[in-house]
Amino acid sequence: TTTTANDEMDNNQLQVNQLRAFVEEVIDDTQANSSSMRQDVLHQRRTEIDYLNGYVVRKGAALGIDTPANQELTERILQLQS
């Protein structure tokens, strides 16, 4: 059988709807959770921000890709640690 463009669009929309439902379920199930980084900040402990977002910033710079959101988040969290 040959897949038509409409069948592909329907399949893509189904996948998008399934993904959205999954994400909304995860949000509902974890809304009361507190991330480990948030807990670290609240308890004035060193976070893993430089390892996570700092890596993205460094890798982006090495590839010539700006990562302003990651850079700003990294700087803000590092300021909270100092």
Protein backbone atom coordinates (compact mmCIF):
# COMPACT_ATOMS: atom_id res chain seq x y z
CA THR A 1 0.00 0.00 0.00
CA THR A 2 1.08 3.51 -0.70
CA THR A 3 1.04 6.12 2.04
CA THR A 4 -0.56 9.33 0.96
CA ALA A 5 0.46 12.79 2.12
CA ASN A 6 -2.79 13.01 4.12
CA ASP A 7 -2.01 9.72 5.87
CA GLU A 8 1.43 11.01 6.81
CA MET A 9 -0.04 14.27 8.13
CA ASP A 10 -2.61 12.33 10.17
CA ASN A 11 0.14 10.10 11.57
CA ASN A 12 2.31 13.11 12.44
CA GLN A 13 -0.61 14.81 14.19
CA LEU A 14 -1.31 11.62 16.14
CA GLN A 15 2.33 11.52 17.26
CA VAL A 16 2.20 15.19 18.28
CA ASN A 17 -1.00 14.58 20.24
CA GLN A 18 0.50 11.53 21.96
CA LEU A 19 3.64 13.47 22.86
CA ARG A 20 1.61 16.39 24.20
CA ALA A 21 -0.51 14.03 26.32
CA PHE A 22 2.63 12.37 27.67
CA VAL A 23 4.28 15.69 28.53
CA GLU A 24 1.12 16.93 30.26
CA GLU A 25 0.94 13.71 32.25
CA VAL A 26 4.57 14.08 33.38
CA ILE A 27 3.91 17.71 34.36
CA ASP A 28 0.88 16.69 36.42
CA ASP A 29 2.72 13.79 38.05
CA THR A 30 5.79 15.83 38.99
CA GLN A 31 4.38 19.28 39.76
CA ALA A 32 5.17 18.97 43.47
CA ASN A 33 8.75 17.82 42.86
CA SER A 34 11.76 20.01 43.54
CA SER A 35 14.76 19.61 41.26
CA SER A 36 18.13 18.74 42.74
CA MET A 37 19.55 22.04 41.46
CA ARG A 38 16.78 23.99 43.19
CA GLN A 39 17.46 22.08 46.38
CA ASP A 40 21.18 22.84 46.07
CA VAL A 41 20.47 26.57 45.66
CA LEU A 42 18.06 26.61 48.59
CA HIS A 43 20.62 24.87 50.81
CA GLN A 44 23.50 27.04 49.53
CA ARG A 45 25.33 24.07 48.03
CA ARG A 46 27.32 24.05 44.84
CA THR A 47 25.15 23.10 41.86
CA GLU A 48 25.93 21.14 38.74
CA ILE A 49 25.10 24.14 36.51
CA ASP A 50 28.61 24.49 35.12
CA TYR A 51 28.70 20.80 34.27
CA LEU A 52 25.31 20.92 32.51
CA ASN A 53 24.62 24.35 31.02
CA GLY A 54 28.26 25.39 31.17
CA TYR A 55 29.07 22.46 28.92
CA VAL A 56 26.44 23.59 26.41
CA VAL A 57 27.91 27.11 26.45
CA ARG A 58 31.47 25.84 25.98
CA LYS A 59 30.48 23.38 23.25
CA GLY A 60 28.45 26.07 21.47
CA ALA A 61 31.40 28.45 21.58
CA ALA A 62 33.69 25.78 20.17
CA LEU A 63 31.25 25.23 17.30
CA GLY A 64 30.56 28.92 16.73
CA ILE A 65 26.98 28.65 18.01
CA ASP A 66 25.62 31.30 20.36
CA THR A 67 23.82 29.91 23.40
CA PRO A 68 22.62 33.07 25.16
CA ALA A 69 19.91 31.43 27.26
CA ASN A 70 22.31 28.78 28.53
CA GLN A 71 24.97 31.43 29.17
CA GLU A 72 22.57 33.62 31.14
CA LEU A 73 21.20 30.74 33.18
CA THR A 74 24.71 29.55 33.99
CA GLU A 75 25.79 33.03 35.08
CA ARG A 76 22.70 33.55 37.24
CA ILE A 77 23.05 30.24 39.05
CA LEU A 78 26.79 30.80 39.58
CA GLN A 79 25.98 34.22 41.08
CA LEU A 80 23.61 32.55 43.54
CA GLN A 81 26.44 30.26 44.60
CA SER A 82 28.89 33.04 45.36
